Amino acid sequence: NSGGNNEDANATGDLDVLESLTIQGAGSGSTIIQAGTTNTNGIDKVFALNPICISTVNVTIDGVTIRFGRNTQPSGAADFSFTGGGIDWCGFGAGNFTLSNSVISNNTNVNGYGGGLNLDAASGYTGTETISNVTFDQNQTNGATGGGATGGAINIFESHTVTISNSTFTNNQTLPNTSGGGAIYYRPTQAGSLSISASTFSSNTAGGIGGAIATATFAAGTTVSITNSTFTGNT
């Protein structure tokens, strides 16, 4: 999918998940889901989870590697198809997203935000997103056409309750000097929470603010908690 021709029914490009789904892999070294064979030839983002975002969907992904996504959709394209390089999730209603025991690596968003994973939501979303024992490595946002380019590994917009534990963020980056969050960018426009524990952030780079983590202005009632975690060599 060379960009500009969005569709949400698995005809071309990314894998569109329109109903609740569990993917149980055999381990990140054995079960590999990829959009290309290198970080330069991916045909699209790898997964669009609930891309139309008008129904409650629950997705669990465990024990896989997701890699070589390359999203070239132009900034502002239909259905927010320009968001997310590896995984793009849109929460609706009380739908939940769980990612565990996995590797998200070498994914790129050329024009938009969320190199490895983008978490977005419809208004009034009340579900949760849980990330545990996941390695995010060498994901990036390029911001070629000014699409925000935040969140090299994870970008979080709108209202979310996000819990990240026992995870590793290495060598993720955002390129433009207006971008933020080499590993994580957090911008809750409605009240939400971000909790990070027992995680490691190393050698992540942002062209703008927050080599490891950057936050935008919070909505009232939002909380951020970071405990028992290590930050080294972020720029």
C-alpha atoms as a PDB file:
ATOM      1  CA  ASN A   1       0.000   0.000   0.000  1.00  0.00           C
ATOM      2  CA  SER A   2       1.977   2.930  -1.300  1.00  0.00           C
ATOM      3  CA  GLY A   3      -0.072   5.535   0.562  1.00  0.00           C
ATOM      4  CA  GLY A   4      -3.139   7.637  -0.074  1.00  0.00           C
ATOM      5  CA  ASN A   5      -5.515   4.742  -0.791  1.00  0.00           C
ATOM      6  CA  ASN A   6      -6.827   3.705   2.601  1.00  0.00           C
ATOM      7  CA  GLU A   7      -9.064   0.677   3.059  1.00  0.00           C
ATOM      8  CA  ASP A   8     -10.082  -1.221   6.200  1.00  0.00           C
ATOM      9  CA  ALA A   9     -11.060  -4.691   4.916  1.00  0.00           C
ATOM     10  CA  ASN A  10      -7.705  -6.416   4.399  1.00  0.00           C
ATOM     11  CA  ALA A  11      -7.665  -5.882   0.640  1.00  0.00           C
ATOM     12  CA  THR A  12      -4.194  -4.339   0.634  1.00  0.00           C
ATOM     13  CA  GLY A  13      -1.462  -3.416   3.063  1.00  0.00           C
ATOM     14  CA  ASP A  14      -2.049  -3.762   6.808  1.00  0.00           C
ATOM     15  CA  LEU A  15      -3.926  -6.501   8.651  1.00  0.00           C
ATOM     16  CA  ASP A  16      -7.269  -4.966   9.653  1.00  0.00           C
ATOM     17  CA  VAL A  17      -8.813  -6.430  12.814  1.00  0.00           C
ATOM     18  CA  LEU A  18     -12.516  -5.580  12.946  1.00  0.00           C
ATOM     19  CA  GLU A  19     -13.707  -7.922  15.719  1.00  0.00           C
ATOM     20  CA  SER A  20     -12.367  -9.182  19.040  1.00  0.00           C
ATOM     21  CA  LEU A  21      -9.270 -11.329  18.600  1.00  0.00           C
ATOM     22  CA  THR A  22      -6.633 -13.233  20.568  1.00  0.00           C
ATOM     23  CA  ILE A  23      -3.282 -14.056  18.983  1.00  0.00           C
ATOM     24  CA  GLN A  24      -1.318 -16.583  21.040  1.00  0.00           C
ATOM     25  CA  GLY A  25       2.152 -16.970  19.602  1.00  0.00           C
ATOM     26  CA  ALA A  26       4.727 -19.636  20.358  1.00  0.00           C
ATOM     27  CA  GLY A  27       7.163 -16.984  21.596  1.00  0.00           C
ATOM     28  CA  SER A  28       8.745 -13.883  20.101  1.00  0.00           C
ATOM     29  CA  GLY A  29      11.601 -15.903  18.601  1.00  0.00           C
ATOM     30  CA  SER A  30       9.250 -18.306  16.806  1.00  0.00           C
ATOM     31  CA  THR A  31       6.103 -16.384  15.833  1.00  0.00           C
ATOM     32  CA  ILE A  32       7.007 -13.429  13.617  1.00  0.00           C
ATOM     33  CA  ILE A  33       4.454 -11.165  11.948  1.00  0.00           C
ATOM     34  CA  GLN A  34       6.057  -8.734   9.527  1.00  0.00           C
ATOM     35  CA  ALA A  35       5.157  -6.251   6.817  1.00  0.00           C
ATOM     36  CA  GLY A  36       8.439  -6.641   4.959  1.00  0.00           C
ATOM     37  CA  THR A  37      11.864  -8.203   5.224  1.00  0.00           C
ATOM     38  CA  THR A  38      13.782  -5.081   6.303  1.00  0.00           C
ATOM     39  CA  ASN A  39      12.944  -1.779   7.965  1.00  0.00           C
ATOM     40  CA  THR A  40      12.857  -0.084   4.548  1.00  0.00           C
ATOM     41  CA  ASN A  41      10.569  -2.311   2.442  1.00  0.00           C
ATOM     42  CA  GLY A  42       7.480  -2.814   4.609  1.00  0.00           C
ATOM     43  CA  ILE A  43       4.246  -2.459   2.612  1.00  0.00           C
ATOM     44  CA  ASP A  44       2.250  -0.726   5.390  1.00  0.00           C
ATOM     45  CA  LYS A  45       1.790  -0.732   9.165  1.00  0.00           C
ATOM     46  CA  VAL A  46       1.448  -4.324  10.384  1.00  0.00           C
ATOM     47  CA  PHE A  47      -1.851  -4.194  12.325  1.00  0.00           C
ATOM     48  CA  ALA A  48      -4.798  -1.794  12.365  1.00  0.00           C
ATOM     49  CA  LEU A  49      -6.849  -2.844  15.385  1.00  0.00           C
ATOM     50  CA  ASN A  50     -10.427  -1.537  15.203  1.00  0.00           C
ATOM     51  CA  PRO A  51      -9.502   1.008  12.495  1.00  0.00           C
ATOM     52  CA  ILE A  52     -13.047   2.290  11.929  1.00  0.00           C
ATOM     53  CA  CYS A  53     -13.453   2.707  15.711  1.00  0.00           C
ATOM     54  CA  ILE A  54     -17.228   2.436  15.931  1.00  0.00           C
ATOM     55  CA  SER A  55     -17.571  -0.828  17.892  1.00  0.00           C
ATOM     56  CA  THR A  56     -16.250  -2.398  21.093  1.00  0.00           C
ATOM     57  CA  VAL A  57     -13.335  -4.689  20.265  1.00  0.00           C
ATOM     58  CA  ASN A  58     -11.030  -6.605  22.636  1.00  0.00           C
ATOM     59  CA  VAL A  59      -7.589  -7.615  21.367  1.00  0.00           C
ATOM     60  CA  THR A  60      -4.925  -9.707  23.114  1.00  0.00           C
ATOM     61  CA  ILE A  61      -1.536 -10.379  21.520  1.00  0.00           C
ATOM     62  CA  ASP A  62       0.989 -12.585  23.325  1.00  0.00           C
ATOM     63  CA  GLY A  63       4.286 -14.222  22.431  1.00  0.00           C
ATOM     64  CA  VAL A  64       5.058 -12.710  19.024  1.00  0.00           C
ATOM     65  CA  THR A  65       7.442 -10.407  17.192  1.00  0.00           C
ATOM     66  CA  ILE A  66       5.870  -7.622  15.119  1.00  0.00           C
ATOM     67  CA  ARG A  67       8.347  -5.932  12.826  1.00  0.00           C
ATOM     68  CA  PHE A  68       9.195  -4.089   9.608  1.00  0.00           C
ATOM     69  CA  GLY A  69       5.968  -2.095   9.454  1.00  0.00           C
ATOM     70  CA  ARG A  70       6.367   1.020   7.332  1.00  0.00           C
ATOM     71  CA  ASN A  71       3.403   3.380   7.220  1.00  0.00           C
ATOM     72  CA  THR A  72       3.580   5.841   4.324  1.00  0.00           C
ATOM     73  CA  GLN A  73      -0.009   7.088   4.425  1.00  0.00           C
ATOM     74  CA  PRO A  74      -0.048  10.883   4.094  1.00  0.00           C
ATOM     75  CA  SER A  75      -0.757  12.980   7.160  1.00  0.00           C
ATOM     76  CA  GLY A  76      -4.508  13.487   7.508  1.00  0.00           C
ATOM     77  CA  ALA A  77      -5.482  10.398   5.475  1.00  0.00           C
ATOM     78  CA  ALA A  78      -8.899   8.785   6.042  1.00  0.00           C
ATOM     79  CA  ASP A  79      -9.675   6.814   9.224  1.00  0.00           C
ATOM     80  CA  PHE A  80      -6.401   8.010  10.759  1.00  0.00           C
ATOM     81  CA  SER A  81      -4.620   5.463   8.577  1.00  0.00           C
ATOM     82  CA  PHE A  82      -1.449   7.574   8.908  1.00  0.00           C
ATOM     83  CA  THR A  83      -1.048   6.641  12.601  1.00  0.00           C
ATOM     84  CA  GLY A  84       1.044   3.746  13.894  1.00  0.00           C
ATOM     85  CA  GLY A  85       3.975   2.015  12.247  1.00  0.00           C
ATOM     86  CA  GLY A  86       3.743  -1.448  13.812  1.00  0.00           C
ATOM     87  CA  ILE A  87       0.391  -1.542  15.634  1.00  0.00           C
ATOM     88  CA  ASP A  88      -2.428   0.996  15.535  1.00  0.00           C
ATOM     89  CA  TRP A  89      -5.164   0.584  18.197  1.00  0.00           C
ATOM     90  CA  CYS A  90      -8.361   2.568  18.532  1.00  0.00           C
ATOM     91  CA  GLY A  91     -10.275   2.018  21.750  1.00  0.00           C
ATOM     92  CA  PHE A  92     -14.061   2.268  21.701  1.00  0.00           C
ATOM     93  CA  GLY A  93     -16.534   1.775  24.540  1.00  0.00           C
ATOM     94  CA  ALA A  94     -15.066  -0.628  27.093  1.00  0.00           C
ATOM     95  CA  GLY A  95     -12.788  -2.496  24.684  1.00  0.00           C
ATOM     96  CA  ASN A  96      -9.427  -3.631  26.068  1.00  0.00           C
ATOM     97  CA  PHE A  97      -5.999  -4.083  24.471  1.00  0.00           C
ATOM     98  CA  THR A  98      -3.350  -6.390  25.937  1.00  0.00           C
ATOM     99  CA  LEU A  99       0.166  -6.869  24.576  1.00  0.00           C
ATOM    100  CA  SER A 100       2.547  -9.209  26.397  1.00  0.00           C
ATOM    101  CA  ASN A 101       5.722 -11.263  26.086  1.00  0.00           C
ATOM    102  CA  SER A 102       6.460  -9.796  22.674  1.00  0.00           C
ATOM    103  CA  VAL A 103       8.944  -7.784  20.624  1.00  0.00           C
ATOM    104  CA  ILE A 104       7.945  -4.703  18.609  1.00  0.00           C
ATOM    105  CA  SER A 105      10.933  -3.789  16.452  1.00  0.00           C
ATOM    106  CA  ASN A 106      12.095  -1.894  13.384  1.00  0.00           C
ATOM    107  CA  ASN A 107       8.753  -0.263  12.606  1.00  0.00           C
ATOM    108  CA  THR A 108       8.568   3.189  10.992  1.00  0.00           C
ATOM    109  CA  ASN A 109       5.884   5.804  10.571  1.00  0.00           C
ATOM    110  CA  VAL A 110       7.017   8.046   7.737  1.00  0.00           C
ATOM    111  CA  ASN A 111       4.463  10.856   8.043  1.00  0.00           C
ATOM    112  CA  GLY A 112       2.583  10.369  11.311  1.00  0.00           C
ATOM    113  CA  TYR A 113       3.018   9.371  14.947  1.00  0.00           C
ATOM    114  CA  GLY A 114       3.529   6.159  16.912  1.00  0.00           C
ATOM    115  CA  GLY A 115       6.440   4.304  15.348  1.00  0.00           C
ATOM    116  CA  GLY A 116       5.988   1.002  17.159  1.00  0.00           C
ATOM    117  CA  LEU A 117       2.496   1.387  18.640  1.00  0.00           C
ATOM    118  CA  ASN A 118      -0.168   4.071  18.491  1.00  0.00           C
ATOM    119  CA  LEU A 119      -2.913   4.126  21.135  1.00  0.00           C
ATOM    120  CA  ASP A 120      -5.889   6.267  20.208  1.00  0.00           C
ATOM    121  CA  ALA A 121      -9.538   6.266  21.278  1.00  0.00           C
ATOM    122  CA  ALA A 122     -13.013   7.500  20.520  1.00  0.00           C
ATOM    123  CA  SER A 123     -14.615   9.982  22.892  1.00  0.00           C
ATOM    124  CA  GLY A 124     -15.820   8.370  26.098  1.00  0.00           C
ATOM    125  CA  TYR A 125     -13.511   5.352  25.917  1.00  0.00           C
ATOM    126  CA  THR A 126     -13.426   3.442  29.239  1.00  0.00           C
ATOM    127  CA  GLY A 127     -11.307   0.385  28.430  1.00  0.00           C
ATOM    128  CA  THR A 128      -7.726  -0.343  29.443  1.00  0.00           C
ATOM    129  CA  GLU A 129      -4.439  -1.010  27.677  1.00  0.00           C
ATOM    130  CA  THR A 130      -1.938  -3.313  29.331  1.00  0.00           C
ATOM    131  CA  ILE A 131       1.639  -3.826  28.121  1.00  0.00           C
ATOM    132  CA  SER A 132       3.834  -6.316  29.977  1.00  0.00           C
ATOM    133  CA  ASN A 133       7.195  -7.898  29.238  1.00  0.00           C
ATOM    134  CA  VAL A 134       7.467  -6.262  25.816  1.00  0.00           C
ATOM    135  CA  THR A 135      10.635  -5.037  24.110  1.00  0.00           C
ATOM    136  CA  PHE A 136      10.345  -1.990  21.858  1.00  0.00           C
ATOM    137  CA  ASP A 137      13.511  -1.678  19.791  1.00  0.00           C
ATOM    138  CA  GLN A 138      14.498   0.558  16.857  1.00  0.00           C
ATOM    139  CA  ASN A 139      11.065   1.964  16.101  1.00  0.00           C
ATOM    140  CA  GLN A 140      10.865   5.500  14.734  1.00  0.00           C
ATOM    141  CA  THR A 141       8.778   8.367  13.412  1.00  0.00           C
ATOM    142  CA  ASN A 142      10.129  10.476  10.558  1.00  0.00           C
ATOM    143  CA  GLY A 143       7.582  13.305  10.307  1.00  0.00           C
ATOM    144  CA  ALA A 144       8.229  13.720   6.608  1.00  0.00           C
ATOM    145  CA  THR A 145       5.049  15.749   6.030  1.00  0.00           C
ATOM    146  CA  GLY A 146       4.457  17.286   9.448  1.00  0.00           C
ATOM    147  CA  GLY A 147       2.090  14.654  10.842  1.00  0.00           C
ATOM    148  CA  GLY A 148       3.185  15.091  14.467  1.00  0.00           C
ATOM    149  CA  ALA A 149       5.954  12.461  14.562  1.00  0.00           C
ATOM    150  CA  THR A 150       5.631  11.928  18.325  1.00  0.00           C
ATOM    151  CA  GLY A 151       6.233   8.650  20.157  1.00  0.00           C
ATOM    152  CA  GLY A 152       9.045   6.691  18.570  1.00  0.00           C
ATOM    153  CA  ALA A 153       7.985   3.495  20.340  1.00  0.00           C
ATOM    154  CA  ILE A 154       4.511   4.385  21.718  1.00  0.00           C
ATOM    155  CA  ASN A 155       2.234   7.349  21.069  1.00  0.00           C
ATOM    156  CA  ILE A 156      -0.793   7.823  23.361  1.00  0.00           C
ATOM    157  CA  PHE A 157      -3.578  10.254  22.462  1.00  0.00           C
ATOM    158  CA  GLU A 158      -7.045  10.875  23.924  1.00  0.00           C
ATOM    159  CA  SER A 159      -8.346   9.208  27.128  1.00  0.00           C
ATOM    160  CA  HIS A 160      -6.581   6.027  28.239  1.00  0.00           C
ATOM    161  CA  THR A 161      -5.765   3.914  31.251  1.00  0.00           C
ATOM    162  CA  VAL A 162      -2.371   2.517  30.281  1.00  0.00           C
ATOM    163  CA  THR A 163      -0.237   0.167  32.384  1.00  0.00           C
ATOM    164  CA  ILE A 164       3.301  -0.715  31.266  1.00  0.00           C
ATOM    165  CA  SER A 165       5.386  -3.171  33.288  1.00  0.00           C
ATOM    166  CA  ASN A 166       8.599  -5.165  32.953  1.00  0.00           C
ATOM    167  CA  SER A 167       9.237  -3.738  29.505  1.00  0.00           C
ATOM    168  CA  THR A 168      12.304  -2.494  27.632  1.00  0.00           C
ATOM    169  CA  PHE A 169      12.623   0.512  25.326  1.00  0.00           C
ATOM    170  CA  THR A 170      15.874   0.735  23.350  1.00  0.00           C
ATOM    171  CA  ASN A 171      17.055   2.716  20.323  1.00  0.00           C
ATOM    172  CA  ASN A 172      13.666   4.220  19.474  1.00  0.00           C
ATOM    173  CA  GLN A 173      13.578   7.719  17.998  1.00  0.00           C
ATOM    174  CA  THR A 174      11.603  10.642  16.658  1.00  0.00           C
ATOM    175  CA  LEU A 175      13.403  12.679  14.010  1.00  0.00           C
ATOM    176  CA  PRO A 176      11.892  16.186  13.631  1.00  0.00           C
ATOM    177  CA  ASN A 177      13.026  18.906  16.042  1.00  0.00           C
ATOM    178  CA  THR A 178       9.371  19.592  16.851  1.00  0.00           C
ATOM    179  CA  SER A 179       8.711  15.989  17.930  1.00  0.00           C
ATOM    180  CA  GLY A 180       8.632  14.533  21.429  1.00  0.00           C
ATOM    181  CA  GLY A 181       9.025  11.229  23.224  1.00  0.00           C
ATOM    182  CA  GLY A 182      11.791   9.116  21.748  1.00  0.00           C
ATOM    183  CA  ALA A 183      10.210   6.126  23.495  1.00  0.00           C
ATOM    184  CA  ILE A 184       6.783   7.345  24.745  1.00  0.00           C
ATOM    185  CA  TYR A 185       4.659  10.410  24.090  1.00  0.00           C
ATOM    186  CA  TYR A 186       1.584  10.943  26.270  1.00  0.00           C
ATOM    187  CA  ARG A 187      -1.158  13.461  25.518  1.00  0.00           C
ATOM    188  CA  PRO A 188      -4.466  12.703  27.262  1.00  0.00           C
ATOM    189  CA  THR A 189      -7.117  15.127  26.057  1.00  0.00           C
ATOM    190  CA  GLN A 190      -9.551  13.602  28.552  1.00  0.00           C
ATOM    191  CA  ALA A 191      -8.768  12.343  32.064  1.00  0.00           C
ATOM    192  CA  GLY A 192      -6.599   9.223  31.996  1.00  0.00           C
ATOM    193  CA  SER A 193      -3.628   7.531  33.594  1.00  0.00           C
ATOM    194  CA  LEU A 194      -0.211   6.191  32.631  1.00  0.00           C
ATOM    195  CA  SER A 195       1.561   3.804  35.003  1.00  0.00           C
ATOM    196  CA  ILE A 196       5.071   2.502  34.254  1.00  0.00           C
ATOM    197  CA  SER A 197       6.889   0.055  36.515  1.00  0.00           C
ATOM    198  CA  ALA A 198      10.006  -2.124  36.438  1.00  0.00           C
ATOM    199  CA  SER A 199      10.938  -0.970  32.943  1.00  0.00           C
ATOM    200  CA  THR A 200      14.134   0.141  31.220  1.00  0.00           C
ATOM    201  CA  PHE A 201      14.637   3.072  28.850  1.00  0.00           C
ATOM    202  CA  SER A 202      18.020   3.271  27.117  1.00  0.00           C
ATOM    203  CA  SER A 203      19.497   4.972  24.041  1.00  0.00           C
ATOM    204  CA  ASN A 204      16.214   6.508  22.891  1.00  0.00           C
ATOM    205  CA  THR A 205      16.350   9.830  21.043  1.00  0.00           C
ATOM    206  CA  ALA A 206      13.876  12.632  20.365  1.00  0.00           C
ATOM    207  CA  GLY A 207      14.465  15.438  17.900  1.00  0.00           C
ATOM    208  CA  GLY A 208      12.534  17.720  20.244  1.00  0.00           C
ATOM    209  CA  ILE A 209      11.519  17.104  23.873  1.00  0.00           C
ATOM    210  CA  GLY A 210      11.890  14.012  26.045  1.00  0.00           C
ATOM    211  CA  GLY A 211      14.537  11.575  24.830  1.00  0.00           C
ATOM    212  CA  ALA A 212      12.744   8.783  26.688  1.00  0.00           C
ATOM    213  CA  ILE A 213       9.309  10.167  27.683  1.00  0.00           C
ATOM    214  CA  ALA A 214       7.508  13.391  26.838  1.00  0.00           C
ATOM    215  CA  THR A 215       4.112  14.544  28.015  1.00  0.00           C
ATOM    216  CA  ALA A 216       1.806  17.230  26.715  1.00  0.00           C
ATOM    217  CA  THR A 217      -0.672  19.253  28.775  1.00  0.00           C
ATOM    218  CA  PHE A 218      -2.856  16.898  30.810  1.00  0.00           C
ATOM    219  CA  ALA A 219      -6.608  16.917  31.006  1.00  0.00           C
ATOM    220  CA  ALA A 220      -7.829  17.502  34.557  1.00  0.00           C
ATOM    221  CA  GLY A 221      -7.690  14.380  36.718  1.00  0.00           C
ATOM    222  CA  THR A 222      -4.879  12.714  34.797  1.00  0.00           C
ATOM    223  CA  THR A 223      -2.129  10.859  36.686  1.00  0.00           C
ATOM    224  CA  VAL A 224       1.326   9.624  35.684  1.00  0.00           C
ATOM    225  CA  SER A 225       3.337   7.172  37.789  1.00  0.00           C
ATOM    226  CA  ILE A 226       6.847   5.839  37.083  1.00  0.00           C
ATOM    227  CA  THR A 227       8.350   3.421  39.618  1.00  0.00           C
ATOM    228  CA  ASN A 228      11.347   1.083  39.873  1.00  0.00           C
ATOM    229  CA  SER A 229      12.495   1.948  36.359  1.00  0.00           C
ATOM    230  CA  THR A 230      15.841   2.832  34.808  1.00  0.00           C
ATOM    231  CA  PHE A 231      16.743   5.625  32.357  1.00  0.00           C
ATOM    232  CA  THR A 232      20.191   5.602  30.724  1.00  0.00           C
ATOM    233  CA  GLY A 233      21.696   7.266  27.667  1.00  0.00           C
ATOM    234  CA  ASN A 234      18.528   8.875  26.326  1.00  0.00           C
ATOM    235  CA  THR A 235      18.958  12.072  24.290  1.00  0.00           C
END
